[in-house]
PDB file of N, CA and C in Angstrom:
ATOM      1  N   MET A   1       0.807  -1.162   0.058  1.00  0.00           N
ATOM      2  CA  MET A   1       0.016   0.096  -0.135  1.00  0.00           C
ATOM      3  C   MET A   1       0.973   1.238  -0.125  1.00  0.00           C
ATOM      4  N   ARG A   2       0.475   2.425  -0.667  1.00  0.00           N
ATOM      5  CA  ARG A   2       1.079   3.617  -0.696  1.00  0.00           C
ATOM      6  C   ARG A   2       1.260   4.390   0.461  1.00  0.00           C
ATOM      7  N   LEU A   3       2.491   5.206   0.941  1.00  0.00           N
ATOM      8  CA  LEU A   3       2.227   5.980   1.831  1.00  0.00           C
ATOM      9  C   LEU A   3       1.105   6.688   2.199  1.00  0.00           C
ATOM     10  N   ASP A   4       0.939   7.599   0.857  1.00  0.00           N
ATOM     11  CA  ASP A   4      -0.107   8.592   0.924  1.00  0.00           C
ATOM     12  C   ASP A   4      -1.439   7.910   1.107  1.00  0.00           C
ATOM     13  N   LEU A   5      -1.903   6.845   0.602  1.00  0.00           N
ATOM     14  CA  LEU A   5      -3.170   5.988   0.762  1.00  0.00           C
ATOM     15  C   LEU A   5      -3.151   5.697   2.122  1.00  0.00           C
ATOM     16  N   LEU A   6      -2.179   5.023   2.660  1.00  0.00           N
ATOM     17  CA  LEU A   6      -2.299   4.596   4.234  1.00  0.00           C
ATOM     18  C   LEU A   6      -2.796   5.823   4.982  1.00  0.00           C
ATOM     19  N   LEU A   7      -2.047   6.477   5.102  1.00  0.00           N
ATOM     20  CA  LEU A   7      -2.304   7.793   5.876  1.00  0.00           C
ATOM     21  C   LEU A   7      -3.763   8.433   5.554  1.00  0.00           C
ATOM     22  N   LYS A   8      -4.295   8.243   4.448  1.00  0.00           N
ATOM     23  CA  LYS A   8      -5.996   8.558   4.214  1.00  0.00           C
ATOM     24  C   LYS A   8      -6.680   7.495   4.862  1.00  0.00           C
ATOM     25  N   ASN A   9      -6.142   6.262   4.618  1.00  0.00           N
ATOM     26  CA  ASN A   9      -7.305   5.161   5.055  1.00  0.00           C
ATOM     27  C   ASN A   9      -6.948   4.953   6.673  1.00  0.00           C
ATOM     28  N   LEU A  10      -6.110   5.491   7.133  1.00  0.00           N
ATOM     29  CA  LEU A  10      -6.050   5.515   8.907  1.00  0.00           C
ATOM     30  C   LEU A  10      -6.318   6.877   9.508  1.00  0.00           C
ATOM     31  N   CYS A  11      -6.980   7.608   8.662  1.00  0.00           N
ATOM     32  CA  CYS A  11      -7.709   8.624   9.029  1.00  0.00           C
ATOM     33  C   CYS A  11      -6.478   9.698   9.666  1.00  0.00           C
ATOM     34  N   LEU A  12      -5.448   9.465   9.422  1.00  0.00           N
ATOM     35  CA  LEU A  12      -4.293  10.330   9.889  1.00  0.00           C
ATOM     36  C   LEU A  12      -4.161  11.949   9.119  1.00  0.00           C
ATOM     37  N   VAL A  13      -4.812  11.836   8.222  1.00  0.00           N
ATOM     38  CA  VAL A  13      -5.018  13.199   7.221  1.00  0.00           C
ATOM     39  C   VAL A  13      -6.539  13.009   6.777  1.00  0.00           C
ATOM     40  N   LYS A  14      -6.862  14.069   6.392  1.00  0.00           N
ATOM     41  CA  LYS A  14      -8.448  14.218   5.829  1.00  0.00           C
ATOM     42  C   LYS A  14      -8.249  13.559   4.358  1.00  0.00           C
ATOM     43  N   SER A  15      -7.595  13.863   3.691  1.00  0.00           N
ATOM     44  CA  SER A  15      -7.509  13.300   2.408  1.00  0.00           C
ATOM     45  C   SER A  15      -6.168  13.033   1.587  1.00  0.00           C
ATOM     46  N   ARG A  16      -6.401  12.237   0.688  1.00  0.00           N
ATOM     47  CA  ARG A  16      -5.028  11.928  -0.070  1.00  0.00           C
ATOM     48  C   ARG A  16      -4.168  12.825  -0.641  1.00  0.00           C
ATOM     49  N   THR A  17      -5.038  13.934  -1.060  1.00  0.00           N
ATOM     50  CA  THR A  17      -3.958  15.004  -1.705  1.00  0.00           C
ATOM     51  C   THR A  17      -3.607  15.837  -0.254  1.00  0.00           C
ATOM     52  N   ARG A  18      -3.952  15.995   0.590  1.00  0.00           N
ATOM     53  CA  ARG A  18      -3.104  16.454   1.827  1.00  0.00           C
ATOM     54  C   ARG A  18      -2.033  15.285   2.306  1.00  0.00           C
ATOM     55  N   ALA A  19      -2.311  14.126   2.233  1.00  0.00           N
ATOM     56  CA  ALA A  19      -1.419  13.233   2.399  1.00  0.00           C
ATOM     57  C   ALA A  19      -0.064  13.617   1.498  1.00  0.00           C
ATOM     58  N   ASN A  20      -0.348  13.363   0.057  1.00  0.00           N
ATOM     59  CA  ASN A  20       0.710  13.652  -0.817  1.00  0.00           C
ATOM     60  C   ASN A  20       1.338  14.934  -0.634  1.00  0.00           C
ATOM     61  N   GLU A  21       0.876  15.912  -0.245  1.00  0.00           N
ATOM     62  CA  GLU A  21       1.466  17.167   0.066  1.00  0.00           C
ATOM     63  C   GLU A  21       2.468  17.169   1.169  1.00  0.00           C
ATOM     64  N   ALA A  22       1.881  16.518   2.371  1.00  0.00           N
ATOM     65  CA  ALA A  22       2.540  16.254   3.489  1.00  0.00           C
ATOM     66  C   ALA A  22       3.916  15.341   3.393  1.00  0.00           C
ATOM     67  N   VAL A  23       3.436  14.340   2.612  1.00  0.00           N
ATOM     68  CA  VAL A  23       4.836  13.504   2.640  1.00  0.00           C
ATOM     69  C   VAL A  23       5.908  14.412   1.431  1.00  0.00           C
ATOM     70  N   SER A  24       5.177  15.070   0.424  1.00  0.00           N
ATOM     71  CA  SER A  24       6.300  15.497  -0.739  1.00  0.00           C
ATOM     72  C   SER A  24       6.762  16.601  -0.127  1.00  0.00           C
ATOM     73  N   THR A  25       6.231  17.500   1.131  1.00  0.00           N
ATOM     74  CA  THR A  25       7.194  18.577   1.783  1.00  0.00           C
ATOM     75  C   THR A  25       7.645  18.314   2.826  1.00  0.00           C
ATOM     76  N   GLY A  26       7.847  16.695   3.272  1.00  0.00           N
ATOM     77  CA  GLY A  26       8.689  16.191   4.470  1.00  0.00           C
ATOM     78  C   GLY A  26       8.324  16.475   5.748  1.00  0.00           C
ATOM     79  N   SER A  27       7.012  16.477   5.922  1.00  0.00           N
ATOM     80  CA  SER A  27       6.060  16.454   7.040  1.00  0.00           C
ATOM     81  C   SER A  27       5.889  15.011   7.533  1.00  0.00           C
ATOM     82  N   VAL A  28       5.891  13.996   6.704  1.00  0.00           N
ATOM     83  CA  VAL A  28       6.002  12.939   7.048  1.00  0.00           C
ATOM     84  C   VAL A  28       7.030  12.190   6.500  1.00  0.00           C
ATOM     85  N   LYS A  29       7.780  11.422   7.282  1.00  0.00           N
ATOM     86  CA  LYS A  29       8.898  10.582   6.938  1.00  0.00           C
ATOM     87  C   LYS A  29       8.573   9.058   7.502  1.00  0.00           C
ATOM     88  N   LEU A  30       9.536   8.290   6.400  1.00  0.00           N
ATOM     89  CA  LEU A  30       9.402   6.739   6.900  1.00  0.00           C
ATOM     90  C   LEU A  30      10.792   6.436   7.414  1.00  0.00           C
ATOM     91  N   GLY A  31      10.940   6.024   8.695  1.00  0.00           N
ATOM     92  CA  GLY A  31      11.966   5.764   9.624  1.00  0.00           C
ATOM     93  C   GLY A  31      13.027   6.971   9.605  1.00  0.00           C
ATOM     94  N   GLY A  32      12.352   8.216   9.605  1.00  0.00           N
ATOM     95  CA  GLY A  32      13.133   9.550   9.742  1.00  0.00           C
ATOM     96  C   GLY A  32      13.683  10.006   8.383  1.00  0.00           C
ATOM     97  N   VAL A  33      13.179   9.338   7.275  1.00  0.00           N
ATOM     98  CA  VAL A  33      13.941   9.898   6.108  1.00  0.00           C
ATOM     99  C   VAL A  33      12.800   9.895   5.366  1.00  0.00           C
ATOM    100  N   SER A  34      12.948  11.170   4.675  1.00  0.00           N
ATOM    101  CA  SER A  34      11.892  11.791   3.710  1.00  0.00           C
ATOM    102  C   SER A  34      11.962  10.499   2.441  1.00  0.00           C
ATOM    103  N   VAL A  35      10.616  10.601   1.902  1.00  0.00           N
ATOM    104  CA  VAL A  35      10.578   9.358   0.916  1.00  0.00           C
ATOM    105  C   VAL A  35       9.152  10.211   0.157  1.00  0.00           C
ATOM    106  N   LYS A  36       8.872   9.117  -1.023  1.00  0.00           N
ATOM    107  CA  LYS A  36       7.777   9.804  -2.168  1.00  0.00           C
ATOM    108  C   LYS A  36       6.663   9.105  -1.244  1.00  0.00           C
ATOM    109  N   PRO A  37       5.370  10.055  -1.856  1.00  0.00           N
ATOM    110  CA  PRO A  37       4.253   9.556  -1.642  1.00  0.00           C
ATOM    111  C   PRO A  37       3.931   8.024  -2.198  1.00  0.00           C
ATOM    112  N   SER A  38       4.457   7.759  -3.084  1.00  0.00           N
ATOM    113  CA  SER A  38       3.799   6.439  -3.805  1.00  0.00           C
ATOM    114  C   SER A  38       4.843   5.422  -2.930  1.00  0.00           C
ATOM    115  N   ARG A  39       5.759   5.598  -2.016  1.00  0.00           N
ATOM    116  CA  ARG A  39       6.465   4.554  -1.396  1.00  0.00           C
ATOM    117  C   ARG A  39       5.663   3.523  -0.803  1.00  0.00           C
ATOM    118  N   GLU A  40       5.942   2.172  -0.942  1.00  0.00           N
ATOM    119  CA  GLU A  40       5.320   1.335  -0.709  1.00  0.00           C
ATOM    120  C   GLU A  40       5.340   1.000   0.934  1.00  0.00           C
ATOM    121  N   ILE A  41       4.485   0.603   1.815  1.00  0.00           N
ATOM    122  CA  ILE A  41       4.578   0.578   3.307  1.00  0.00           C
ATOM    123  C   ILE A  41       4.146  -0.929   3.385  1.00  0.00           C
ATOM    124  N   ARG A  42       5.139  -1.433   4.690  1.00  0.00           N
ATOM    125  CA  ARG A  42       4.634  -2.597   5.054  1.00  0.00           C
ATOM    126  C   ARG A  42       4.920  -2.843   6.622  1.00  0.00           C
ATOM    127  N   GLU A  43       4.103  -3.590   7.262  1.00  0.00           N
ATOM    128  CA  GLU A  43       4.196  -3.929   8.492  1.00  0.00           C
ATOM    129  C   GLU A  43       5.356  -3.700   9.238  1.00  0.00           C
ATOM    130  N   GLY A  44       5.480  -3.104  10.588  1.00  0.00           N
ATOM    131  CA  GLY A  44       6.800  -2.802  11.154  1.00  0.00           C
ATOM    132  C   GLY A  44       7.493  -1.687  10.648  1.00  0.00           C
ATOM    133  N   ASP A  45       6.889  -0.743   9.535  1.00  0.00           N
ATOM    134  CA  ASP A  45       7.673   0.593   9.254  1.00  0.00           C
ATOM    135  C   ASP A  45       7.175   1.469  10.228  1.00  0.00           C
ATOM    136  N   ILE A  46       8.078   2.114  10.561  1.00  0.00           N
ATOM    137  CA  ILE A  46       8.160   3.470  11.611  1.00  0.00           C
ATOM    138  C   ILE A  46       7.898   4.620  10.825  1.00  0.00           C
ATOM    139  N   ILE A  47       6.578   5.332  11.023  1.00  0.00           N
ATOM    140  CA  ILE A  47       6.206   6.667  10.413  1.00  0.00           C
ATOM    141  C   ILE A  47       6.199   7.761  11.543  1.00  0.00           C
ATOM    142  N   HIS A  48       6.792   8.938  10.845  1.00  0.00           N
ATOM    143  CA  HIS A  48       7.076  10.104  11.786  1.00  0.00           C
ATOM    144  C   HIS A  48       6.027  11.492  10.715  1.00  0.00           C
ATOM    145  N   ILE A  49       5.133  11.921  11.638  1.00  0.00           N
ATOM    146  CA  ILE A  49       4.300  12.847  11.224  1.00  0.00           C
ATOM    147  C   ILE A  49       4.224  13.936  12.050  1.00  0.00           C
ATOM    148  N   SER A  50       4.658  15.054  11.194  1.00  0.00           N
ATOM    149  CA  SER A  50       4.773  16.487  11.702  1.00  0.00           C
ATOM    150  C   SER A  50       3.563  17.260  11.512  1.00  0.00           C
ATOM    151  N   TYR A  51       2.416  17.532  12.472  1.00  0.00           N
ATOM    152  CA  TYR A  51       1.320  18.228  12.320  1.00  0.00           C
ATOM    153  C   TYR A  51       1.892  19.774  12.819  1.00  0.00           C
ATOM    154  N   PRO A  52       0.847  20.607  12.426  1.00  0.00           N
ATOM    155  CA  PRO A  52       1.299  22.163  13.138  1.00  0.00           C
ATOM    156  C   PRO A  52       1.381  21.999  14.582  1.00  0.00           C
ATOM    157  N   THR A  53       0.547  21.411  15.275  1.00  0.00           N
ATOM    158  CA  THR A  53       0.310  21.304  16.691  1.00  0.00           C
ATOM    159  C   THR A  53       0.974  20.167  17.291  1.00  0.00           C
ATOM    160  N   ARG A  54       1.499  19.141  16.673  1.00  0.00           N
ATOM    161  CA  ARG A  54       2.165  17.883  17.376  1.00  0.00           C
ATOM    162  C   ARG A  54       2.718  17.222  16.530  1.00  0.00           C
ATOM    163  N   GLU A  55       3.576  16.368  17.064  1.00  0.00           N
ATOM    164  CA  GLU A  55       4.626  15.321  16.397  1.00  0.00           C
ATOM    165  C   GLU A  55       4.208  13.963  16.710  1.00  0.00           C
ATOM    166  N   LEU A  56       4.020  13.058  15.920  1.00  0.00           N
ATOM    167  CA  LEU A  56       3.744  11.702  16.104  1.00  0.00           C
ATOM    168  C   LEU A  56       4.692  10.636  15.546  1.00  0.00           C
ATOM    169  N   VAL A  57       4.738   9.995  16.183  1.00  0.00           N
ATOM    170  CA  VAL A  57       5.879   8.633  15.800  1.00  0.00           C
ATOM    171  C   VAL A  57       5.089   7.141  16.080  1.00  0.00           C
ATOM    172  N   LEU A  58       4.760   6.739  14.645  1.00  0.00           N
ATOM    173  CA  LEU A  58       3.990   5.419  15.094  1.00  0.00           C
ATOM    174  C   LEU A  58       4.594   4.212  14.275  1.00  0.00           C
ATOM    175  N   GLU A  59       4.277   2.992  14.677  1.00  0.00           N
ATOM    176  CA  GLU A  59       4.623   1.929  14.359  1.00  0.00           C
ATOM    177  C   GLU A  59       3.618   1.126  13.473  1.00  0.00           C
ATOM    178  N   LEU A  60       3.412   0.582  12.188  1.00  0.00           N
ATOM    179  CA  LEU A  60       2.463   0.149  11.888  1.00  0.00           C
ATOM    180  C   LEU A  60       2.415  -1.171  11.963  1.00  0.00           C
ATOM    181  N   LEU A  61       1.361  -1.819  12.657  1.00  0.00           N
ATOM    182  CA  LEU A  61       1.100  -3.105  13.268  1.00  0.00           C
ATOM    183  C   LEU A  61       0.562  -4.161  11.944  1.00  0.00           C
ATOM    184  N   GLU A  62      -0.434  -3.516  11.278  1.00  0.00           N
ATOM    185  CA  GLU A  62      -1.028  -4.245  10.096  1.00  0.00           C
ATOM    186  C   GLU A  62      -1.527  -3.093   8.992  1.00  0.00           C
ATOM    187  N   LEU A  63      -1.534  -3.674   7.790  1.00  0.00           N
ATOM    188  CA  LEU A  63      -2.074  -2.777   7.027  1.00  0.00           C
ATOM    189  C   LEU A  63      -3.829  -3.135   6.750  1.00  0.00           C
ATOM    190  N   PRO A  64      -4.228  -1.996   6.628  1.00  0.00           N
ATOM    191  CA  PRO A  64      -5.591  -2.016   6.701  1.00  0.00           C
ATOM    192  C   PRO A  64      -6.285  -2.373   5.283  1.00  0.00           C
ATOM    193  N   PRO A  65      -7.514  -3.169   5.589  1.00  0.00           N
ATOM    194  CA  PRO A  65      -7.980  -3.678   4.038  1.00  0.00           C
ATOM    195  C   PRO A  65      -8.364  -2.545   3.106  1.00  0.00           C
ATOM    196  N   GLY A  66      -8.371  -1.229   3.641  1.00  0.00           N
ATOM    197  CA  GLY A  66      -8.896  -0.204   2.947  1.00  0.00           C
ATOM    198  C   GLY A  66      -9.340   1.131   4.080  1.00  0.00           C
ATOM    199  N   GLN A  67     -10.142   1.874   3.659  1.00  0.00           N
ATOM    200  CA  GLN A  67     -10.609   2.944   4.746  1.00  0.00           C
ATOM    201  C   GLN A  67     -11.404   2.527   5.719  1.00  0.00           C
ATOM    202  N   VAL A  68     -10.924   2.682   7.044  1.00  0.00           N
ATOM    203  CA  VAL A  68     -11.257   2.389   8.206  1.00  0.00           C
ATOM    204  C   VAL A  68     -11.697   3.525   9.069  1.00  0.00           C
ATOM    205  N   SER A  69     -12.666   3.036  10.030  1.00  0.00           N
ATOM    206  CA  SER A  69     -13.301   4.297  10.868  1.00  0.00           C
ATOM    207  C   SER A  69     -11.991   4.857  11.676  1.00  0.00           C
ATOM    208  N   LYS A  70     -12.125   6.170  11.933  1.00  0.00           N
ATOM    209  CA  LYS A  70     -11.284   6.726  12.987  1.00  0.00           C
ATOM    210  C   LYS A  70     -11.216   6.044  14.262  1.00  0.00           C
ATOM    211  N   LYS A  71     -12.279   5.597  14.842  1.00  0.00           N
ATOM    212  CA  LYS A  71     -12.344   4.788  15.735  1.00  0.00           C
ATOM    213  C   LYS A  71     -11.578   3.590  15.680  1.00  0.00           C
ATOM    214  N   LYS A  72     -11.554   2.671  14.568  1.00  0.00           N
ATOM    215  CA  LYS A  72     -10.780   1.658  14.436  1.00  0.00           C
ATOM    216  C   LYS A  72      -9.424   1.832  14.128  1.00  0.00           C
ATOM    217  N   ALA A  73      -9.197   2.889  13.726  1.00  0.00           N
ATOM    218  CA  ALA A  73      -7.693   3.155  13.120  1.00  0.00           C
ATOM    219  C   ALA A  73      -6.717   2.728  14.061  1.00  0.00           C
ATOM    220  N   GLY A  74      -6.700   3.238  15.121  1.00  0.00           N
ATOM    221  CA  GLY A  74      -5.857   2.586  16.203  1.00  0.00           C
ATOM    222  C   GLY A  74      -5.384   1.443  16.406  1.00  0.00           C
ATOM    223  N   ASP A  75      -6.391   0.424  15.667  1.00  0.00           N
ATOM    224  CA  ASP A  75      -6.008  -0.974  15.914  1.00  0.00           C
ATOM    225  C   ASP A  75      -4.684  -1.247  14.997  1.00  0.00           C
ATOM    226  N   TYR A  76      -4.570  -0.549  13.894  1.00  0.00           N
ATOM    227  CA  TYR A  76      -3.519  -0.858  12.934  1.00  0.00           C
ATOM    228  C   TYR A  76      -2.174  -0.326  13.242  1.00  0.00           C
ATOM    229  N   TYR A  77      -2.095   0.849  14.085  1.00  0.00           N
ATOM    230  CA  TYR A  77      -0.687   1.235  14.718  1.00  0.00           C
ATOM    231  C   TYR A  77      -0.612   1.220  16.049  1.00  0.00           C
ATOM    232  N   ARG A  78       0.760   1.414  16.082  1.00  0.00           N
ATOM    233  CA  ARG A  78       1.197   1.640  18.049  1.00  0.00           C
ATOM    234  C   ARG A  78       1.938   3.094  17.727  1.00  0.00           C
ATOM    235  N   ILE A  79       1.274   3.890  18.789  1.00  0.00           N
ATOM    236  CA  ILE A  79       2.176   5.279  18.927  1.00  0.00           C
ATOM    237  C   ILE A  79       3.204   4.817  19.646  1.00  0.00           C
ATOM    238  N   ILE A  80       4.133   5.180  19.215  1.00  0.00           N
ATOM    239  CA  ILE A  80       5.647   5.266  20.037  1.00  0.00           C
ATOM    240  C   ILE A  80       6.076   6.457  20.687  1.00  0.00           C
ATOM    241  N   ARG A  81       5.438   7.596  20.143  1.00  0.00           N
ATOM    242  CA  ARG A  81       5.762   9.085  20.625  1.00  0.00           C
ATOM    243  C   ARG A  81       4.899  10.052  20.248  1.00  0.00           C
ATOM    244  N   GLU A  82       4.381  10.720  21.039  1.00  0.00           N
ATOM    245  CA  GLU A  82       3.566  11.938  20.810  1.00  0.00           C
ATOM    246  C   GLU A  82       4.030  12.849  21.569  1.00  0.00           C
ATOM    247  N   ARG A  83       4.101  14.232  20.605  1.00  0.00           N
ATOM    248  CA  ARG A  83       4.549  15.575  21.543  1.00  0.00           C
ATOM    249  C   ARG A  83       4.037  16.719  20.979  1.00  0.00           C
ATOM    250  N   ARG A  84       3.355  17.419  21.652  1.00  0.00           N
ATOM    251  CA  ARG A  84       2.751  18.796  21.620  1.00  0.00           C
ATOM    252  C   ARG A  84       3.811  19.756  21.332  1.00  0.00           C
ATOM    253  N   MET A  85       3.492  20.436  20.000  1.00  0.00           N
ATOM    254  CA  MET A  85       4.473  21.578  19.785  1.00  0.00           C
ATOM    255  C   MET A  85       4.069  23.014  20.742  1.00  0.00           C
ATOM    256  N   PRO A  86       5.093  23.584  20.971  1.00  0.00           N
ATOM    257  CA  PRO A  86       4.732  24.991  21.701  1.00  0.00           C
ATOM    258  C   PRO A  86       4.287  25.878  21.023  1.00  0.00           C
ATOM    259  N   GLY A  87       3.191  26.738  21.332  1.00  0.00           N
ATOM    260  CA  GLY A  87       2.665  27.845  20.344  1.00  0.00           C
ATOM    261  C   GLY A  87       1.400  28.022  20.877  1.00  0.00           C
TER     262      GLY A  87
END
């Protein structure tokens, strides 16, 4: 599954377009490294997401079968670190 699609399917971003932009601008990294939005993701990958108000590092536990509800999205990843940004 592509990184941009995964972010959308797990409700980590609102749309695939925003996911694509976030990955392209470096706000989303894979294992701390900038990648392309089309990068294939596997279970066990570590994803770093920088939102305007917080930073999130998570480990992908399982690839979702498709779009999942926000309520069930957390079943597919484990939060390693979450930090609020000052501001």
